[in-house]
Amino acid sequence: MATVKVNAGVCGFHTLIKVSPKDAQNVLINMETECPNLKPMAEELHEASTYGECFAVIGESAVFELARKYCKHPACPVPLGIIKGIEVAGKLALPRKVEIEVEKD
């Protein structure tokens, strides 16, 4: 199982994503979020194709389709966090910390 914790930034919303393998090609997804816009996405997204998500063209996977439907902010890191969790649970990547740090000069 892969666990991904997303602190989305200035909005202050936290999301916990747990992804576990279902079989050799699919994963199960459990997402808990404080974001009111992403709560319906969490209710709808329960399963995904490992290869379909991880090798799709950017923005054309099922996760990003749902993000387009529910997410109100294009820079939201939650969809990326879901894909990273799928990679790890599907044994396509090792678990590593991912950071985006933004500073104003």
PDB file of N, CA and C in Angstrom:
ATOM      1  N   MET A   1       0.848  -1.182   0.000  1.00  0.00           N
ATOM      2  CA  MET A   1       0.000   0.000   0.000  1.00  0.00           C
ATOM      3  C   MET A   1       0.888   1.237   0.000  1.00  0.00           C
ATOM      4  N   ALA A   2       0.418   2.275  -0.651  1.00  0.00           N
ATOM      5  CA  ALA A   2       1.093   3.569  -0.660  1.00  0.00           C
ATOM      6  C   ALA A   2       0.199   4.580   0.051  1.00  0.00           C
ATOM      7  N   THR A   3       0.811   5.383   0.901  1.00  0.00           N
ATOM      8  CA  THR A   3       0.093   6.459   1.582  1.00  0.00           C
ATOM      9  C   THR A   3       0.700   7.779   1.141  1.00  0.00           C
ATOM     10  N   VAL A   4      -0.153   8.689   0.688  1.00  0.00           N
ATOM     11  CA  VAL A   4       0.291   9.999   0.222  1.00  0.00           C
ATOM     12  C   VAL A   4      -0.437  11.057   1.041  1.00  0.00           C
ATOM     13  N   LYS A   5       0.339  11.948   1.639  1.00  0.00           N
ATOM     14  CA  LYS A   5      -0.225  13.061   2.404  1.00  0.00           C
ATOM     15  C   LYS A   5       0.047  14.342   1.624  1.00  0.00           C
ATOM     16  N   VAL A   6      -1.014  15.067   1.302  1.00  0.00           N
ATOM     17  CA  VAL A   6      -0.880  16.292   0.517  1.00  0.00           C
ATOM     18  C   VAL A   6      -1.330  17.482   1.351  1.00  0.00           C
ATOM     19  N   ASN A   7      -0.420  18.407   1.570  1.00  0.00           N
ATOM     20  CA  ASN A   7      -0.729  19.707   2.154  1.00  0.00           C
ATOM     21  C   ASN A   7      -0.758  20.658   0.968  1.00  0.00           C
ATOM     22  N   ALA A   8      -1.941  21.051   0.554  1.00  0.00           N
ATOM     23  CA  ALA A   8      -2.104  21.747  -0.719  1.00  0.00           C
ATOM     24  C   ALA A   8      -1.569  23.175  -0.749  1.00  0.00           C
ATOM     25  N   GLY A   9      -1.182  23.730   0.373  1.00  0.00           N
ATOM     26  CA  GLY A   9      -0.588  25.064   0.357  1.00  0.00           C
ATOM     27  C   GLY A   9      -1.468  26.106   0.997  1.00  0.00           C
ATOM     28  N   VAL A  10      -1.578  27.239   0.332  1.00  0.00           N
ATOM     29  CA  VAL A  10      -2.235  28.403   0.912  1.00  0.00           C
ATOM     30  C   VAL A  10      -3.704  28.160   1.251  1.00  0.00           C
ATOM     31  N   CYS A  11      -4.366  27.243   0.562  1.00  0.00           N
ATOM     32  CA  CYS A  11      -5.763  26.941   0.888  1.00  0.00           C
ATOM     33  C   CYS A  11      -5.882  26.283   2.258  1.00  0.00           C
ATOM     34  N   GLY A  12      -4.801  25.616   2.693  1.00  0.00           N
ATOM     35  CA  GLY A  12      -4.783  24.994   4.011  1.00  0.00           C
ATOM     36  C   GLY A  12      -5.424  23.619   4.082  1.00  0.00           C
ATOM     37  N   PHE A  13      -5.904  23.108   2.962  1.00  0.00           N
ATOM     38  CA  PHE A  13      -6.571  21.809   2.975  1.00  0.00           C
ATOM     39  C   PHE A  13      -5.558  20.670   2.902  1.00  0.00           C
ATOM     40  N   HIS A  14      -5.820  19.634   3.675  1.00  0.00           N
ATOM     41  CA  HIS A  14      -4.994  18.439   3.686  1.00  0.00           C
ATOM     42  C   HIS A  14      -5.785  17.282   3.083  1.00  0.00           C
ATOM     43  N   THR A  15      -5.063  16.419   2.384  1.00  0.00           N
ATOM     44  CA  THR A  15      -5.678  15.247   1.783  1.00  0.00           C
ATOM     45  C   THR A  15      -4.815  14.031   2.087  1.00  0.00           C
ATOM     46  N   LEU A  16      -5.451  12.949   2.468  1.00  0.00           N
ATOM     47  CA  LEU A  16      -4.779  11.679   2.724  1.00  0.00           C
ATOM     48  C   LEU A  16      -5.267  10.681   1.672  1.00  0.00           C
ATOM     49  N   ILE A  17      -4.307  10.127   0.932  1.00  0.00           N
ATOM     50  CA  ILE A  17      -4.629   9.202  -0.150  1.00  0.00           C
ATOM     51  C   ILE A  17      -3.972   7.865   0.169  1.00  0.00           C
ATOM     52  N   LYS A  18      -4.752   6.796   0.179  1.00  0.00           N
ATOM     53  CA  LYS A  18      -4.213   5.449   0.382  1.00  0.00           C
ATOM     54  C   LYS A  18      -4.535   4.628  -0.862  1.00  0.00           C
ATOM     55  N   VAL A  19      -3.485   4.057  -1.436  1.00  0.00           N
ATOM     56  CA  VAL A  19      -3.632   3.286  -2.664  1.00  0.00           C
ATOM     57  C   VAL A  19      -3.078   1.889  -2.422  1.00  0.00           C
ATOM     58  N   SER A  20      -3.877   0.881  -2.729  1.00  0.00           N
ATOM     59  CA  SER A  20      -3.424  -0.496  -2.544  1.00  0.00           C
ATOM     60  C   SER A  20      -3.670  -1.288  -3.828  1.00  0.00           C
ATOM     61  N   PRO A  21      -2.815  -2.273  -4.087  1.00  0.00           N
ATOM     62  CA  PRO A  21      -3.017  -3.071  -5.296  1.00  0.00           C
ATOM     63  C   PRO A  21      -4.284  -3.918  -5.200  1.00  0.00           C
ATOM     64  N   LYS A  22      -5.040  -3.954  -6.272  1.00  0.00           N
ATOM     65  CA  LYS A  22      -6.213  -4.829  -6.353  1.00  0.00           C
ATOM     66  C   LYS A  22      -5.808  -6.128  -7.042  1.00  0.00           C
ATOM     67  N   ASP A  23      -5.121  -5.983  -8.167  1.00  0.00           N
ATOM     68  CA  ASP A  23      -4.578  -7.112  -8.913  1.00  0.00           C
ATOM     69  C   ASP A  23      -3.359  -6.598  -9.677  1.00  0.00           C
ATOM     70  N   ALA A  24      -2.880  -7.336 -10.657  1.00  0.00           N
ATOM     71  CA  ALA A  24      -1.649  -6.965 -11.356  1.00  0.00           C
ATOM     72  C   ALA A  24      -1.781  -5.677 -12.172  1.00  0.00           C
ATOM     73  N   GLN A  25      -3.002  -5.241 -12.462  1.00  0.00           N
ATOM     74  CA  GLN A  25      -3.174  -4.086 -13.335  1.00  0.00           C
ATOM     75  C   GLN A  25      -4.027  -2.963 -12.756  1.00  0.00           C
ATOM     76  N   ASN A  26      -4.573  -3.154 -11.567  1.00  0.00           N
ATOM     77  CA  ASN A  26      -5.483  -2.155 -11.006  1.00  0.00           C
ATOM     78  C   ASN A  26      -5.187  -1.908  -9.535  1.00  0.00           C
ATOM     79  N   VAL A  27      -5.569  -0.720  -9.077  1.00  0.00           N
ATOM     80  CA  VAL A  27      -5.395  -0.349  -7.679  1.00  0.00           C
ATOM     81  C   VAL A  27      -6.710   0.130  -7.096  1.00  0.00           C
ATOM     82  N   LEU A  28      -6.808   0.047  -5.777  1.00  0.00           N
ATOM     83  CA  LEU A  28      -7.943   0.594  -5.033  1.00  0.00           C
ATOM     84  C   LEU A  28      -7.489   1.882  -4.381  1.00  0.00           C
ATOM     85  N   ILE A  29      -8.352   2.880  -4.392  1.00  0.00           N
ATOM     86  CA  ILE A  29      -7.999   4.204  -3.882  1.00  0.00           C
ATOM     87  C   ILE A  29      -8.978   4.632  -2.807  1.00  0.00           C
ATOM     88  N   ASN A  30      -8.432   5.095  -1.687  1.00  0.00           N
ATOM     89  CA  ASN A  30      -9.237   5.680  -0.618  1.00  0.00           C
ATOM     90  C   ASN A  30      -8.671   7.069  -0.369  1.00  0.00           C
ATOM     91  N   MET A  31      -9.510   8.078  -0.516  1.00  0.00           N
ATOM     92  CA  MET A  31      -9.055   9.460  -0.377  1.00  0.00           C
ATOM     93  C   MET A  31      -9.915  10.178   0.649  1.00  0.00           C
ATOM     94  N   GLU A  32      -9.266  10.783   1.625  1.00  0.00           N
ATOM     95  CA  GLU A  32      -9.943  11.628   2.610  1.00  0.00           C
ATOM     96  C   GLU A  32      -9.398  13.038   2.442  1.00  0.00           C
ATOM     97  N   THR A  33     -10.289  13.986   2.254  1.00  0.00           N
ATOM     98  CA  THR A  33      -9.837  15.354   2.010  1.00  0.00           C
ATOM     99  C   THR A  33     -10.666  16.361   2.797  1.00  0.00           C
ATOM    100  N   GLU A  34     -10.025  17.453   3.156  1.00  0.00           N
ATOM    101  CA  GLU A  34     -10.720  18.567   3.800  1.00  0.00           C
ATOM    102  C   GLU A  34     -11.312  19.511   2.763  1.00  0.00           C
ATOM    103  N   CYS A  35     -10.881  19.397   1.517  1.00  0.00           N
ATOM    104  CA  CYS A  35     -11.316  20.316   0.465  1.00  0.00           C
ATOM    105  C   CYS A  35     -12.762  20.033   0.062  1.00  0.00           C
ATOM    106  N   PRO A  36     -13.647  21.014   0.181  1.00  0.00           N
ATOM    107  CA  PRO A  36     -15.047  20.779  -0.194  1.00  0.00           C
ATOM    108  C   PRO A  36     -15.222  20.485  -1.683  1.00  0.00           C
ATOM    109  N   ASN A  37     -14.330  21.007  -2.532  1.00  0.00           N
ATOM    110  CA  ASN A  37     -14.433  20.754  -3.966  1.00  0.00           C
ATOM    111  C   ASN A  37     -14.015  19.335  -4.327  1.00  0.00           C
ATOM    112  N   LEU A  38     -13.064  18.774  -3.578  1.00  0.00           N
ATOM    113  CA  LEU A  38     -12.554  17.447  -3.897  1.00  0.00           C
ATOM    114  C   LEU A  38     -13.289  16.310  -3.184  1.00  0.00           C
ATOM    115  N   LYS A  39     -14.149  16.636  -2.220  1.00  0.00           N
ATOM    116  CA  LYS A  39     -14.911  15.578  -1.532  1.00  0.00           C
ATOM    117  C   LYS A  39     -15.734  14.731  -2.517  1.00  0.00           C
ATOM    118  N   PRO A  40     -16.424  15.333  -3.502  1.00  0.00           N
ATOM    119  CA  PRO A  40     -17.145  14.490  -4.466  1.00  0.00           C
ATOM    120  C   PRO A  40     -16.200  13.614  -5.297  1.00  0.00           C
ATOM    121  N   MET A  41     -15.013  14.107  -5.578  1.00  0.00           N
ATOM    122  CA  MET A  41     -14.023  13.311  -6.303  1.00  0.00           C
ATOM    123  C   MET A  41     -13.621  12.100  -5.469  1.00  0.00           C
ATOM    124  N   ALA A  42     -13.427  12.320  -4.170  1.00  0.00           N
ATOM    125  CA  ALA A  42     -13.069  11.224  -3.264  1.00  0.00           C
ATOM    126  C   ALA A  42     -14.173  10.176  -3.210  1.00  0.00           C
ATOM    127  N   GLU A  43     -15.424  10.618  -3.303  1.00  0.00           N
ATOM    128  CA  GLU A  43     -16.551   9.687  -3.275  1.00  0.00           C
ATOM    129  C   GLU A  43     -16.674   8.886  -4.576  1.00  0.00           C
ATOM    130  N   GLU A  44     -16.171   9.450  -5.659  1.00  0.00           N
ATOM    131  CA  GLU A  44     -16.302   8.806  -6.970  1.00  0.00           C
ATOM    132  C   GLU A  44     -15.086   7.958  -7.351  1.00  0.00           C
ATOM    133  N   LEU A  45     -13.915   8.309  -6.856  1.00  0.00           N
ATOM    134  CA  LEU A  45     -12.676   7.637  -7.254  1.00  0.00           C
ATOM    135  C   LEU A  45     -12.323   6.530  -6.265  1.00  0.00           C
ATOM    136  N   HIS A  46     -12.556   5.289  -6.659  1.00  0.00           N
ATOM    137  CA  HIS A  46     -12.273   4.145  -5.782  1.00  0.00           C
ATOM    138  C   HIS A  46     -11.315   3.139  -6.401  1.00  0.00           C
ATOM    139  N   GLU A  47     -11.162   3.175  -7.708  1.00  0.00           N
ATOM    140  CA  GLU A  47     -10.347   2.190  -8.403  1.00  0.00           C
ATOM    141  C   GLU A  47      -9.750   2.835  -9.648  1.00  0.00           C
ATOM    142  N   ALA A  48      -8.561   2.369 -10.041  1.00  0.00           N
ATOM    143  CA  ALA A  48      -7.934   2.902 -11.248  1.00  0.00           C
ATOM    144  C   ALA A  48      -7.030   1.852 -11.867  1.00  0.00           C
ATOM    145  N   SER A  49      -6.783   2.018 -13.148  1.00  0.00           N
ATOM    146  CA  SER A  49      -5.841   1.175 -13.882  1.00  0.00           C
ATOM    147  C   SER A  49      -4.435   1.720 -13.643  1.00  0.00           C
ATOM    148  N   THR A  50      -3.550   0.880 -13.159  1.00  0.00           N
ATOM    149  CA  THR A  50      -2.180   1.319 -12.872  1.00  0.00           C
ATOM    150  C   THR A  50      -1.510   1.876 -14.122  1.00  0.00           C
ATOM    151  N   TYR A  51      -1.487   1.105 -15.187  1.00  0.00           N
ATOM    152  CA  TYR A  51      -0.815   1.544 -16.409  1.00  0.00           C
ATOM    153  C   TYR A  51      -1.584   2.660 -17.104  1.00  0.00           C
ATOM    154  N   GLY A  52      -2.909   2.594 -17.039  1.00  0.00           N
ATOM    155  CA  GLY A  52      -3.723   3.639 -17.654  1.00  0.00           C
ATOM    156  C   GLY A  52      -3.471   5.009 -17.045  1.00  0.00           C
ATOM    157  N   GLU A  53      -3.207   5.055 -15.751  1.00  0.00           N
ATOM    158  CA  GLU A  53      -2.951   6.323 -15.078  1.00  0.00           C
ATOM    159  C   GLU A  53      -1.493   6.766 -15.230  1.00  0.00           C
ATOM    160  N   CYS A  54      -0.593   5.820 -15.077  1.00  0.00           N
ATOM    161  CA  CYS A  54       0.832   6.174 -15.012  1.00  0.00           C
ATOM    162  C   CYS A  54       1.480   6.394 -16.375  1.00  0.00           C
ATOM    163  N   PHE A  55       0.863   5.896 -17.433  1.00  0.00           N
ATOM    164  CA  PHE A  55       1.445   6.072 -18.760  1.00  0.00           C
ATOM    165  C   PHE A  55       0.539   6.872 -19.691  1.00  0.00           C
ATOM    166  N   ALA A  56      -0.464   7.514 -19.145  1.00  0.00           N
ATOM    167  CA  ALA A  56      -1.348   8.368 -19.951  1.00  0.00           C
ATOM    168  C   ALA A  56      -0.632   9.679 -20.290  1.00  0.00           C
ATOM    169  N   VAL A  57      -1.103  10.309 -21.319  1.00  0.00           N
ATOM    170  CA  VAL A  57      -0.639  11.655 -21.632  1.00  0.00           C
ATOM    171  C   VAL A  57      -1.065  12.555 -20.475  1.00  0.00           C
ATOM    172  N   ILE A  58      -0.217  13.498 -20.093  1.00  0.00           N
ATOM    173  CA  ILE A  58      -0.533  14.388 -18.969  1.00  0.00           C
ATOM    174  C   ILE A  58      -1.909  15.012 -19.176  1.00  0.00           C
ATOM    175  N   GLY A  59      -2.737  14.879 -18.168  1.00  0.00           N
ATOM    176  CA  GLY A  59      -4.076  15.460 -18.198  1.00  0.00           C
ATOM    177  C   GLY A  59      -5.134  14.594 -18.844  1.00  0.00           C
ATOM    178  N   GLU A  60      -4.759  13.427 -19.373  1.00  0.00           N
ATOM    179  CA  GLU A  60      -5.740  12.599 -20.081  1.00  0.00           C
ATOM    180  C   GLU A  60      -6.058  11.288 -19.376  1.00  0.00           C
ATOM    181  N   SER A  61      -5.707  11.169 -18.121  1.00  0.00           N
ATOM    182  CA  SER A  61      -6.025   9.943 -17.377  1.00  0.00           C
ATOM    183  C   SER A  61      -7.380  10.097 -16.686  1.00  0.00           C
ATOM    184  N   ALA A  62      -7.888   8.990 -16.156  1.00  0.00           N
ATOM    185  CA  ALA A  62      -9.175   9.027 -15.444  1.00  0.00           C
ATOM    186  C   ALA A  62      -9.096   9.932 -14.210  1.00  0.00           C
ATOM    187  N   VAL A  63      -7.954   9.928 -13.532  1.00  0.00           N
ATOM    188  CA  VAL A  63      -7.782  10.803 -12.360  1.00  0.00           C
ATOM    189  C   VAL A  63      -7.901  12.261 -12.777  1.00  0.00           C
ATOM    190  N   PHE A  64      -7.234  12.633 -13.860  1.00  0.00           N
ATOM    191  CA  PHE A  64      -7.300  14.029 -14.299  1.00  0.00           C
ATOM    192  C   PHE A  64      -8.661  14.381 -14.901  1.00  0.00           C
ATOM    193  N   GLU A  65      -9.362  13.419 -15.457  1.00  0.00           N
ATOM    194  CA  GLU A  65     -10.742  13.676 -15.903  1.00  0.00           C
ATOM    195  C   GLU A  65     -11.607  14.071 -14.717  1.00  0.00           C
ATOM    196  N   LEU A  66     -11.490  13.329 -13.619  1.00  0.00           N
ATOM    197  CA  LEU A  66     -12.252  13.673 -12.409  1.00  0.00           C
ATOM    198  C   LEU A  66     -11.781  15.003 -11.832  1.00  0.00           C
ATOM    199  N   ALA A  67     -10.489  15.256 -11.883  1.00  0.00           N
ATOM    200  CA  ALA A  67      -9.966  16.533 -11.382  1.00  0.00           C
ATOM    201  C   ALA A  67     -10.557  17.702 -12.178  1.00  0.00           C
ATOM    202  N   ARG A  68     -10.664  17.536 -13.490  1.00  0.00           N
ATOM    203  CA  ARG A  68     -11.278  18.598 -14.305  1.00  0.00           C
ATOM    204  C   ARG A  68     -12.730  18.824 -13.900  1.00  0.00           C
ATOM    205  N   LYS A  69     -13.393  17.753 -13.507  1.00  0.00           N
ATOM    206  CA  LYS A  69     -14.802  17.836 -13.122  1.00  0.00           C
ATOM    207  C   LYS A  69     -14.984  18.531 -11.767  1.00  0.00           C
ATOM    208  N   TYR A  70     -14.088  18.261 -10.801  1.00  0.00           N
ATOM    209  CA  TYR A  70     -14.314  18.717  -9.435  1.00  0.00           C
ATOM    210  C   TYR A  70     -13.328  19.766  -8.925  1.00  0.00           C
ATOM    211  N   CYS A  71     -12.121  19.724  -9.378  1.00  0.00           N
ATOM    212  CA  CYS A  71     -11.084  20.603  -8.838  1.00  0.00           C
ATOM    213  C   CYS A  71     -11.229  22.008  -9.417  1.00  0.00           C
ATOM    214  N   LYS A  72     -11.217  23.009  -8.562  1.00  0.00           N
ATOM    215  CA  LYS A  72     -11.420  24.391  -9.007  1.00  0.00           C
ATOM    216  C   LYS A  72     -10.114  25.143  -9.242  1.00  0.00           C
ATOM    217  N   HIS A  73      -8.985  24.491  -8.990  1.00  0.00           N
ATOM    218  CA  HIS A  73      -7.701  25.184  -9.062  1.00  0.00           C
ATOM    219  C   HIS A  73      -6.702  24.348  -9.864  1.00  0.00           C
ATOM    220  N   PRO A  74      -6.245  24.825 -11.013  1.00  0.00           N
ATOM    221  CA  PRO A  74      -5.373  24.020 -11.868  1.00  0.00           C
ATOM    222  C   PRO A  74      -4.015  23.680 -11.255  1.00  0.00           C
ATOM    223  N   ALA A  75      -3.586  24.409 -10.256  1.00  0.00           N
ATOM    224  CA  ALA A  75      -2.297  24.115  -9.616  1.00  0.00           C
ATOM    225  C   ALA A  75      -2.441  23.189  -8.405  1.00  0.00           C
ATOM    226  N   CYS A  76      -3.626  22.658  -8.177  1.00  0.00           N
ATOM    227  CA  CYS A  76      -3.852  21.760  -7.040  1.00  0.00           C
ATOM    228  C   CYS A  76      -2.932  20.541  -7.150  1.00  0.00           C
ATOM    229  N   PRO A  77      -2.183  20.223  -6.084  1.00  0.00           N
ATOM    230  CA  PRO A  77      -1.272  19.085  -6.128  1.00  0.00           C
ATOM    231  C   PRO A  77      -1.930  17.734  -5.844  1.00  0.00           C
ATOM    232  N   VAL A  78      -3.196  17.704  -5.509  1.00  0.00           N
ATOM    233  CA  VAL A  78      -3.850  16.450  -5.139  1.00  0.00           C
ATOM    234  C   VAL A  78      -3.887  15.437  -6.292  1.00  0.00           C
ATOM    235  N   PRO A  79      -4.288  15.819  -7.520  1.00  0.00           N
ATOM    236  CA  PRO A  79      -4.272  14.825  -8.599  1.00  0.00           C
ATOM    237  C   PRO A  79      -2.885  14.217  -8.821  1.00  0.00           C
ATOM    238  N   LEU A  80      -1.862  15.020  -8.750  1.00  0.00           N
ATOM    239  CA  LEU A  80      -0.493  14.514  -8.863  1.00  0.00           C
ATOM    240  C   LEU A  80      -0.194  13.521  -7.742  1.00  0.00           C
ATOM    241  N   GLY A  81      -0.637  13.845  -6.518  1.00  0.00           N
ATOM    242  CA  GLY A  81      -0.429  12.948  -5.389  1.00  0.00           C
ATOM    243  C   GLY A  81      -1.104  11.603  -5.597  1.00  0.00           C
ATOM    244  N   ILE A  82      -2.283  11.607  -6.201  1.00  0.00           N
ATOM    245  CA  ILE A  82      -2.990  10.358  -6.481  1.00  0.00           C
ATOM    246  C   ILE A  82      -2.178   9.515  -7.468  1.00  0.00           C
ATOM    247  N   ILE A  83      -1.699  10.148  -8.528  1.00  0.00           N
ATOM    248  CA  ILE A  83      -0.906   9.425  -9.530  1.00  0.00           C
ATOM    249  C   ILE A  83       0.378   8.878  -8.910  1.00  0.00           C
ATOM    250  N   LYS A  84       1.050   9.649  -8.063  1.00  0.00           N
ATOM    251  CA  LYS A  84       2.266   9.161  -7.403  1.00  0.00           C
ATOM    252  C   LYS A  84       1.948   7.953  -6.525  1.00  0.00           C
ATOM    253  N   GLY A  85       0.828   7.979  -5.830  1.00  0.00           N
ATOM    254  CA  GLY A  85       0.420   6.843  -5.016  1.00  0.00           C
ATOM    255  C   GLY A  85       0.143   5.608  -5.861  1.00  0.00           C
ATOM    256  N   ILE A  86      -0.476   5.818  -7.013  1.00  0.00           N
ATOM    257  CA  ILE A  86      -0.744   4.702  -7.927  1.00  0.00           C
ATOM    258  C   ILE A  86       0.566   4.096  -8.424  1.00  0.00           C
ATOM    259  N   GLU A  87       1.539   4.947  -8.760  1.00  0.00           N
ATOM    260  CA  GLU A  87       2.850   4.447  -9.201  1.00  0.00           C
ATOM    261  C   GLU A  87       3.477   3.527  -8.162  1.00  0.00           C
ATOM    262  N   VAL A  88       3.451   3.961  -6.917  1.00  0.00           N
ATOM    263  CA  VAL A  88       4.084   3.184  -5.846  1.00  0.00           C
ATOM    264  C   VAL A  88       3.308   1.897  -5.563  1.00  0.00           C
ATOM    265  N   ALA A  89       1.999   2.007  -5.423  1.00  0.00           N
ATOM    266  CA  ALA A  89       1.190   0.818  -5.136  1.00  0.00           C
ATOM    267  C   ALA A  89       1.241  -0.179  -6.291  1.00  0.00           C
ATOM    268  N   GLY A  90       1.383   0.328  -7.510  1.00  0.00           N
ATOM    269  CA  GLY A  90       1.454  -0.532  -8.689  1.00  0.00           C
ATOM    270  C   GLY A  90       2.855  -1.013  -9.002  1.00  0.00           C
ATOM    271  N   LYS A  91       3.805  -0.717  -8.127  1.00  0.00           N
ATOM    272  CA  LYS A  91       5.206  -1.144  -8.261  1.00  0.00           C
ATOM    273  C   LYS A  91       5.882  -0.582  -9.506  1.00  0.00           C
ATOM    274  N   LEU A  92       5.498   0.635  -9.886  1.00  0.00           N
ATOM    275  CA  LEU A  92       6.137   1.306 -11.009  1.00  0.00           C
ATOM    276  C   LEU A  92       7.113   2.385 -10.547  1.00  0.00           C
ATOM    277  N   ALA A  93       7.161   2.637  -9.243  1.00  0.00           N
ATOM    278  CA  ALA A  93       8.077   3.644  -8.690  1.00  0.00           C
ATOM    279  C   ALA A  93       8.324   3.324  -7.228  1.00  0.00           C
ATOM    280  N   LEU A  94       9.438   3.813  -6.742  1.00  0.00           N
ATOM    281  CA  LEU A  94       9.747   3.683  -5.318  1.00  0.00           C
ATOM    282  C   LEU A  94       9.143   4.860  -4.568  1.00  0.00           C
ATOM    283  N   PRO A  95       8.783   4.664  -3.308  1.00  0.00           N
ATOM    284  CA  PRO A  95       8.237   5.790  -2.534  1.00  0.00           C
ATOM    285  C   PRO A  95       9.341   6.798  -2.210  1.00  0.00           C
ATOM    286  N   ARG A  96       9.154   8.016  -2.635  1.00  0.00           N
ATOM    287  CA  ARG A  96      10.091   9.094  -2.349  1.00  0.00           C
ATOM    288  C   ARG A  96       9.308  10.370  -2.083  1.00  0.00           C
ATOM    289  N   LYS A  97       9.879  11.212  -1.259  1.00  0.00           N
ATOM    290  CA  LYS A  97       9.271  12.501  -0.951  1.00  0.00           C
ATOM    291  C   LYS A  97       9.317  13.397  -2.189  1.00  0.00           C
ATOM    292  N   VAL A  98       8.205  14.060  -2.457  1.00  0.00           N
ATOM    293  CA  VAL A  98       8.112  15.003  -3.561  1.00  0.00           C
ATOM    294  C   VAL A  98       7.824  16.367  -2.957  1.00  0.00           C
ATOM    295  N   GLU A  99       8.577  17.379  -3.364  1.00  0.00           N
ATOM    296  CA  GLU A  99       8.368  18.714  -2.800  1.00  0.00           C
ATOM    297  C   GLU A  99       8.236  19.749  -3.905  1.00  0.00           C
ATOM    298  N   ILE A 100       7.386  20.713  -3.649  1.00  0.00           N
ATOM    299  CA  ILE A 100       7.303  21.914  -4.458  1.00  0.00           C
ATOM    300  C   ILE A 100       7.398  23.076  -3.476  1.00  0.00           C
ATOM    301  N   GLU A 101       8.403  23.851  -3.601  1.00  0.00           N
ATOM    302  CA  GLU A 101       8.584  24.979  -2.676  1.00  0.00           C
ATOM    303  C   GLU A 101       8.483  26.271  -3.482  1.00  0.00           C
ATOM    304  N   VAL A 102       7.617  27.159  -3.062  1.00  0.00           N
ATOM    305  CA  VAL A 102       7.399  28.415  -3.770  1.00  0.00           C
ATOM    306  C   VAL A 102       7.792  29.566  -2.867  1.00  0.00           C
ATOM    307  N   GLU A 103       8.665  30.433  -3.351  1.00  0.00           N
ATOM    308  CA  GLU A 103       9.071  31.623  -2.620  1.00  0.00           C
ATOM    309  C   GLU A 103       8.901  32.835  -3.493  1.00  0.00           C
ATOM    310  N   LYS A 104       8.637  33.937  -2.883  1.00  0.00           N
ATOM    311  CA  LYS A 104       8.529  35.188  -3.612  1.00  0.00           C
ATOM    312  C   LYS A 104       9.805  35.971  -3.392  1.00  0.00           C
ATOM    313  N   ASP A 105      10.420  36.391  -4.472  1.00  0.00           N
ATOM    314  CA  ASP A 105      11.667  37.187  -4.372  1.00  0.00           C
ATOM    315  C   ASP A 105      11.371  38.654  -4.249  1.00  0.00           C
TER     316      ASP A 105
END
